[in-house]
Amino acid sequence: MATVIVTVGLAFIGYLTTYLNGLRLAQRQARLTRVNQQLSDFYGPLFALMEANSRTYDTFSEKYARPDGRDPFRHDTPPTEHELAEWRIWATTVFIPNIQAMRDVVVTKADLLIEEEMPQALLQLCAHVSGYEITAARWAQGNYEQHVSLISFPGRELREYIRDRFTWLKSEQARLLGHNRAAPGNR
């Protein structure tokens, strides 16, 4: 009889251990799926768009830099008509579509945020885009009085926010996958 009780007890402990291990693995897999989705659908696209926009803006700033190195919009001397015309081309071709794509990611994929509330930098981005859409609509009507959004771009804050979250999620992804070594290119 004691042998039967021990056998049943060991079988129950084995079953419980298998069940708990399966539950732990399922939770880990669910967490990995969530992290992968946050990276592929939210933070990854935001990171890529932000970097592309920043690098393109740096190129514009270098191309139209004043002798002291500052760009025409951060200078005491106002931009020339030629610089403003070039700005409108760069803005309508690259900058506005990029920030609209960023806003669209924020608006359509907000469920993938790490935080429970919408971060201020993302709200400021959305408002900035709306401001540029008004400016671009005026340009389309031939009104060139305004050349920037009335709402400032949260550049530094947004860049830090996106980079921090992207980097953290990549680390979390590596941890969940069991990667303990530095990835190629990070050594």
C-alpha atoms as a PDB file:
ATOM      1  CA  MET A   1       0.000   0.000   0.000  1.00  0.00           C
ATOM      2  CA  ALA A   2       2.797   2.409   0.883  1.00  0.00           C
ATOM      3  CA  THR A   3       4.387   1.705  -2.465  1.00  0.00           C
ATOM      4  CA  VAL A   4       1.172   2.633  -4.248  1.00  0.00           C
ATOM      5  CA  ILE A   5       0.929   5.892  -2.304  1.00  0.00           C
ATOM      6  CA  VAL A   6       4.554   6.745  -3.091  1.00  0.00           C
ATOM      7  CA  THR A   7       4.027   5.861  -6.755  1.00  0.00           C
ATOM      8  CA  VAL A   8       0.852   7.955  -6.962  1.00  0.00           C
ATOM      9  CA  GLY A   9       2.579  10.809  -5.094  1.00  0.00           C
ATOM     10  CA  LEU A  10       5.581  10.732  -7.440  1.00  0.00           C
ATOM     11  CA  ALA A  11       3.279  10.595 -10.473  1.00  0.00           C
ATOM     12  CA  PHE A  12       1.345  13.576  -9.133  1.00  0.00           C
ATOM     13  CA  ILE A  13       4.557  15.521  -8.457  1.00  0.00           C
ATOM     14  CA  GLY A  14       5.786  14.649 -11.970  1.00  0.00           C
ATOM     15  CA  TYR A  15       2.501  15.788 -13.478  1.00  0.00           C
ATOM     16  CA  LEU A  16       2.527  19.009 -11.432  1.00  0.00           C
ATOM     17  CA  THR A  17       6.145  19.720 -12.393  1.00  0.00           C
ATOM     18  CA  THR A  18       5.370  19.129 -16.072  1.00  0.00           C
ATOM     19  CA  TYR A  19       2.265  21.319 -15.849  1.00  0.00           C
ATOM     20  CA  LEU A  20       4.102  24.189 -14.113  1.00  0.00           C
ATOM     21  CA  ASN A  21       7.008  23.970 -16.552  1.00  0.00           C
ATOM     22  CA  GLY A  22       4.593  24.032 -19.491  1.00  0.00           C
ATOM     23  CA  LEU A  23       2.827  27.029 -17.982  1.00  0.00           C
ATOM     24  CA  ARG A  24       6.151  28.850 -17.497  1.00  0.00           C
ATOM     25  CA  LEU A  25       7.179  28.099 -21.093  1.00  0.00           C
ATOM     26  CA  ALA A  26       3.799  29.287 -22.420  1.00  0.00           C
ATOM     27  CA  GLN A  27       4.098  32.524 -20.451  1.00  0.00           C
ATOM     28  CA  ARG A  28       7.643  33.034 -21.743  1.00  0.00           C
ATOM     29  CA  GLN A  29       6.468  32.392 -25.316  1.00  0.00           C
ATOM     30  CA  ALA A  30       3.566  34.840 -24.893  1.00  0.00           C
ATOM     31  CA  ARG A  31       5.993  37.471 -23.564  1.00  0.00           C
ATOM     32  CA  LEU A  32       8.368  36.849 -26.491  1.00  0.00           C
ATOM     33  CA  THR A  33       5.478  37.163 -28.955  1.00  0.00           C
ATOM     34  CA  ARG A  34       4.464  40.484 -27.382  1.00  0.00           C
ATOM     35  CA  VAL A  35       8.039  41.827 -27.431  1.00  0.00           C
ATOM     36  CA  ASN A  36       8.468  40.761 -31.065  1.00  0.00           C
ATOM     37  CA  GLN A  37       5.234  42.534 -31.993  1.00  0.00           C
ATOM     38  CA  GLN A  38       6.241  45.693 -30.095  1.00  0.00           C
ATOM     39  CA  LEU A  39       9.533  45.721 -31.990  1.00  0.00           C
ATOM     40  CA  SER A  40       8.169  44.880 -35.430  1.00  0.00           C
ATOM     41  CA  ASP A  41       5.004  46.979 -35.378  1.00  0.00           C
ATOM     42  CA  PHE A  42       5.726  49.924 -33.084  1.00  0.00           C
ATOM     43  CA  TYR A  43       9.205  50.704 -31.768  1.00  0.00           C
ATOM     44  CA  GLY A  44      11.113  49.311 -34.767  1.00  0.00           C
ATOM     45  CA  PRO A  45       9.239  51.391 -37.370  1.00  0.00           C
ATOM     46  CA  LEU A  46       9.372  54.481 -35.132  1.00  0.00           C
ATOM     47  CA  PHE A  47      13.100  53.999 -34.620  1.00  0.00           C
ATOM     48  CA  ALA A  48      13.785  53.587 -38.353  1.00  0.00           C
ATOM     49  CA  LEU A  49      11.595  56.555 -39.353  1.00  0.00           C
ATOM     50  CA  MET A  50      13.091  58.776 -36.649  1.00  0.00           C
ATOM     51  CA  GLU A  51      16.643  57.913 -37.692  1.00  0.00           C
ATOM     52  CA  ALA A  52      15.881  58.405 -41.387  1.00  0.00           C
ATOM     53  CA  ASN A  53      14.219  61.744 -40.702  1.00  0.00           C
ATOM     54  CA  SER A  54      17.062  62.920 -38.460  1.00  0.00           C
ATOM     55  CA  ARG A  55      19.735  61.961 -40.969  1.00  0.00           C
ATOM     56  CA  THR A  56      17.851  63.578 -43.833  1.00  0.00           C
ATOM     57  CA  TYR A  57      17.342  66.751 -41.797  1.00  0.00           C
ATOM     58  CA  ASP A  58      21.068  66.776 -40.969  1.00  0.00           C
ATOM     59  CA  THR A  59      21.799  66.515 -44.697  1.00  0.00           C
ATOM     60  CA  PHE A  60      19.457  69.428 -45.446  1.00  0.00           C
ATOM     61  CA  SER A  61      21.051  71.459 -42.649  1.00  0.00           C
ATOM     62  CA  GLU A  62      24.553  70.777 -43.952  1.00  0.00           C
ATOM     63  CA  LYS A  63      23.619  71.530 -47.567  1.00  0.00           C
ATOM     64  CA  TYR A  64      22.042  74.874 -46.674  1.00  0.00           C
ATOM     65  CA  ALA A  65      24.258  75.758 -43.719  1.00  0.00           C
ATOM     66  CA  ARG A  66      25.279  79.360 -43.245  1.00  0.00           C
ATOM     67  CA  PRO A  67      28.986  80.234 -42.966  1.00  0.00           C
ATOM     68  CA  ASP A  68      28.790  79.765 -39.180  1.00  0.00           C
ATOM     69  CA  GLY A  69      27.427  76.213 -39.705  1.00  0.00           C
ATOM     70  CA  ARG A  70      23.843  76.823 -38.563  1.00  0.00           C
ATOM     71  CA  ASP A  71      20.923  75.967 -40.807  1.00  0.00           C
ATOM     72  CA  PRO A  72      18.665  78.720 -42.208  1.00  0.00           C
ATOM     73  CA  PHE A  73      15.907  78.097 -39.648  1.00  0.00           C
ATOM     74  CA  ARG A  74      18.265  78.425 -36.669  1.00  0.00           C
ATOM     75  CA  HIS A  75      19.968  81.627 -37.722  1.00  0.00           C
ATOM     76  CA  ASP A  76      19.635  85.355 -37.130  1.00  0.00           C
ATOM     77  CA  THR A  77      19.402  85.981 -40.877  1.00  0.00           C
ATOM     78  CA  PRO A  78      16.070  84.691 -42.225  1.00  0.00           C
ATOM     79  CA  PRO A  79      16.067  82.040 -44.958  1.00  0.00           C
ATOM     80  CA  THR A  80      16.246  83.259 -48.548  1.00  0.00           C
ATOM     81  CA  GLU A  81      13.405  82.612 -51.002  1.00  0.00           C
ATOM     82  CA  HIS A  82      15.557  79.909 -52.619  1.00  0.00           C
ATOM     83  CA  GLU A  83      16.158  78.230 -49.234  1.00  0.00           C
ATOM     84  CA  LEU A  84      12.448  78.398 -48.432  1.00  0.00           C
ATOM     85  CA  ALA A  85      11.552  76.878 -51.815  1.00  0.00           C
ATOM     86  CA  GLU A  86      14.075  74.079 -51.205  1.00  0.00           C
ATOM     87  CA  TRP A  87      12.679  73.559 -47.704  1.00  0.00           C
ATOM     88  CA  ARG A  88       9.171  73.136 -49.099  1.00  0.00           C
ATOM     89  CA  ILE A  89      10.446  70.472 -51.507  1.00  0.00           C
ATOM     90  CA  TRP A  90      12.339  68.578 -48.786  1.00  0.00           C
ATOM     91  CA  ALA A  91       9.450  68.948 -46.332  1.00  0.00           C
ATOM     92  CA  THR A  92       6.712  67.762 -48.695  1.00  0.00           C
ATOM     93  CA  THR A  93       8.818  64.966 -50.188  1.00  0.00           C
ATOM     94  CA  VAL A  94      10.551  63.566 -47.099  1.00  0.00           C
ATOM     95  CA  PHE A  95       9.937  65.213 -43.731  1.00  0.00           C
ATOM     96  CA  ILE A  96       6.162  65.460 -43.688  1.00  0.00           C
ATOM     97  CA  PRO A  97       5.589  61.942 -45.077  1.00  0.00           C
ATOM     98  CA  ASN A  98       8.050  60.545 -42.490  1.00  0.00           C
ATOM     99  CA  ILE A  99       6.437  62.272 -39.533  1.00  0.00           C
ATOM    100  CA  GLN A 100       2.977  61.327 -40.821  1.00  0.00           C
ATOM    101  CA  ALA A 101       4.114  57.696 -40.949  1.00  0.00           C
ATOM    102  CA  MET A 102       5.409  58.047 -37.383  1.00  0.00           C
ATOM    103  CA  ARG A 103       2.102  59.533 -36.257  1.00  0.00           C
ATOM    104  CA  ASP A 104       0.200  56.742 -38.006  1.00  0.00           C
ATOM    105  CA  VAL A 105       2.227  54.122 -36.120  1.00  0.00           C
ATOM    106  CA  VAL A 106       1.463  55.879 -32.835  1.00  0.00           C
ATOM    107  CA  VAL A 107      -2.249  56.216 -33.579  1.00  0.00           C
ATOM    108  CA  THR A 108      -2.838  52.726 -34.976  1.00  0.00           C
ATOM    109  CA  LYS A 109      -0.497  50.696 -32.759  1.00  0.00           C
ATOM    110  CA  ALA A 110      -0.782  52.434 -29.377  1.00  0.00           C
ATOM    111  CA  ASP A 111      -1.813  49.127 -27.815  1.00  0.00           C
ATOM    112  CA  LEU A 112       1.842  48.073 -28.164  1.00  0.00           C
ATOM    113  CA  LEU A 113       3.167  50.820 -25.896  1.00  0.00           C
ATOM    114  CA  ILE A 114       5.326  49.720 -22.994  1.00  0.00           C
ATOM    115  CA  GLU A 115       3.739  52.375 -20.770  1.00  0.00           C
ATOM    116  CA  GLU A 116       0.176  52.435 -19.505  1.00  0.00           C
ATOM    117  CA  GLU A 117      -0.291  56.066 -20.639  1.00  0.00           C
ATOM    118  CA  MET A 118       0.643  57.820 -23.849  1.00  0.00           C
ATOM    119  CA  PRO A 119       4.056  59.492 -23.403  1.00  0.00           C
ATOM    120  CA  GLN A 120       4.163  63.268 -23.865  1.00  0.00           C
ATOM    121  CA  ALA A 121       6.774  63.024 -26.647  1.00  0.00           C
ATOM    122  CA  LEU A 122       4.362  60.937 -28.738  1.00  0.00           C
ATOM    123  CA  LEU A 123       1.470  63.311 -28.095  1.00  0.00           C
ATOM    124  CA  GLN A 124       3.707  66.231 -29.108  1.00  0.00           C
ATOM    125  CA  LEU A 125       4.685  64.359 -32.291  1.00  0.00           C
ATOM    126  CA  CYS A 126       1.013  63.906 -33.229  1.00  0.00           C
ATOM    127  CA  ALA A 127       0.283  67.596 -32.643  1.00  0.00           C
ATOM    128  CA  HIS A 128       3.396  68.614 -34.624  1.00  0.00           C
ATOM    129  CA  VAL A 129       2.229  66.559 -37.605  1.00  0.00           C
ATOM    130  CA  SER A 130      -1.189  68.226 -37.546  1.00  0.00           C
ATOM    131  CA  GLY A 131       0.517  71.608 -37.513  1.00  0.00           C
ATOM    132  CA  TYR A 132       2.597  70.665 -40.570  1.00  0.00           C
ATOM    133  CA  GLU A 133      -0.452  69.362 -42.402  1.00  0.00           C
ATOM    134  CA  ILE A 134      -2.012  72.829 -42.080  1.00  0.00           C
ATOM    135  CA  THR A 135       1.218  74.443 -43.270  1.00  0.00           C
ATOM    136  CA  ALA A 136       1.439  72.056 -46.262  1.00  0.00           C
ATOM    137  CA  ALA A 137      -2.214  72.710 -47.152  1.00  0.00           C
ATOM    138  CA  ARG A 138      -1.426  76.435 -47.267  1.00  0.00           C
ATOM    139  CA  TRP A 139       1.582  75.748 -49.494  1.00  0.00           C
ATOM    140  CA  ALA A 140      -0.701  73.811 -51.853  1.00  0.00           C
ATOM    141  CA  GLN A 141      -2.827  76.984 -52.116  1.00  0.00           C
ATOM    142  CA  GLY A 142       0.244  79.104 -52.860  1.00  0.00           C
ATOM    143  CA  ASN A 143       0.416  80.662 -49.379  1.00  0.00           C
ATOM    144  CA  TYR A 144       4.064  80.620 -48.243  1.00  0.00           C
ATOM    145  CA  GLU A 145       3.816  82.853 -45.172  1.00  0.00           C
ATOM    146  CA  GLN A 146       4.479  79.954 -42.777  1.00  0.00           C
ATOM    147  CA  HIS A 147       7.276  77.416 -43.293  1.00  0.00           C
ATOM    148  CA  VAL A 148       7.252  75.287 -40.177  1.00  0.00           C
ATOM    149  CA  SER A 149       4.636  73.658 -37.984  1.00  0.00           C
ATOM    150  CA  LEU A 150       3.168  75.945 -35.348  1.00  0.00           C
ATOM    151  CA  ILE A 151       3.772  73.094 -32.890  1.00  0.00           C
ATOM    152  CA  SER A 152       7.412  72.233 -32.235  1.00  0.00           C
ATOM    153  CA  PHE A 153       8.899  68.833 -33.039  1.00  0.00           C
ATOM    154  CA  PRO A 154       9.945  66.982 -29.858  1.00  0.00           C
ATOM    155  CA  GLY A 155      13.215  65.891 -31.486  1.00  0.00           C
ATOM    156  CA  ARG A 156      15.536  65.203 -28.569  1.00  0.00           C
ATOM    157  CA  GLU A 157      12.825  63.820 -26.256  1.00  0.00           C
ATOM    158  CA  LEU A 158      11.303  61.655 -28.982  1.00  0.00           C
ATOM    159  CA  ARG A 159      14.661  60.312 -30.123  1.00  0.00           C
ATOM    160  CA  GLU A 160      15.641  59.398 -26.537  1.00  0.00           C
ATOM    161  CA  TYR A 161      12.253  57.823 -25.863  1.00  0.00           C
ATOM    162  CA  ILE A 162      12.283  55.684 -29.016  1.00  0.00           C
ATOM    163  CA  ARG A 163      15.946  54.662 -28.710  1.00  0.00           C
ATOM    164  CA  ASP A 164      15.602  53.744 -25.009  1.00  0.00           C
ATOM    165  CA  ARG A 165      12.490  51.614 -25.559  1.00  0.00           C
ATOM    166  CA  PHE A 166      13.852  49.961 -28.711  1.00  0.00           C
ATOM    167  CA  THR A 167      17.147  49.091 -26.990  1.00  0.00           C
ATOM    168  CA  TRP A 168      15.367  47.761 -23.891  1.00  0.00           C
ATOM    169  CA  LEU A 169      13.023  45.606 -25.984  1.00  0.00           C
ATOM    170  CA  LYS A 170      15.943  44.207 -28.013  1.00  0.00           C
ATOM    171  CA  SER A 171      17.643  43.232 -24.736  1.00  0.00           C
ATOM    172  CA  GLU A 172      14.424  41.676 -23.456  1.00  0.00           C
ATOM    173  CA  GLN A 173      14.029  39.779 -26.727  1.00  0.00           C
ATOM    174  CA  ALA A 174      17.584  38.433 -26.473  1.00  0.00           C
ATOM    175  CA  ARG A 175      16.988  37.411 -22.843  1.00  0.00           C
ATOM    176  CA  LEU A 176      13.757  35.596 -23.716  1.00  0.00           C
ATOM    177  CA  LEU A 177      15.523  33.801 -26.552  1.00  0.00           C
ATOM    178  CA  GLY A 178      18.279  32.749 -24.156  1.00  0.00           C
ATOM    179  CA  HIS A 179      21.020  34.796 -25.799  1.00  0.00           C
ATOM    180  CA  ASN A 180      23.573  35.845 -23.236  1.00  0.00           C
ATOM    181  CA  ARG A 181      26.376  36.867 -25.564  1.00  0.00           C
ATOM    182  CA  ALA A 182      26.684  40.178 -27.345  1.00  0.00           C
ATOM    183  CA  ALA A 183      25.204  40.110 -30.829  1.00  0.00           C
ATOM    184  CA  PRO A 184      27.466  40.666 -33.837  1.00  0.00           C
ATOM    185  CA  GLY A 185      28.165  44.351 -34.203  1.00  0.00           C
ATOM    186  CA  ASN A 186      27.655  44.973 -30.446  1.00  0.00           C
ATOM    187  CA  ARG A 187      30.960  43.564 -29.275  1.00  0.00           C
END
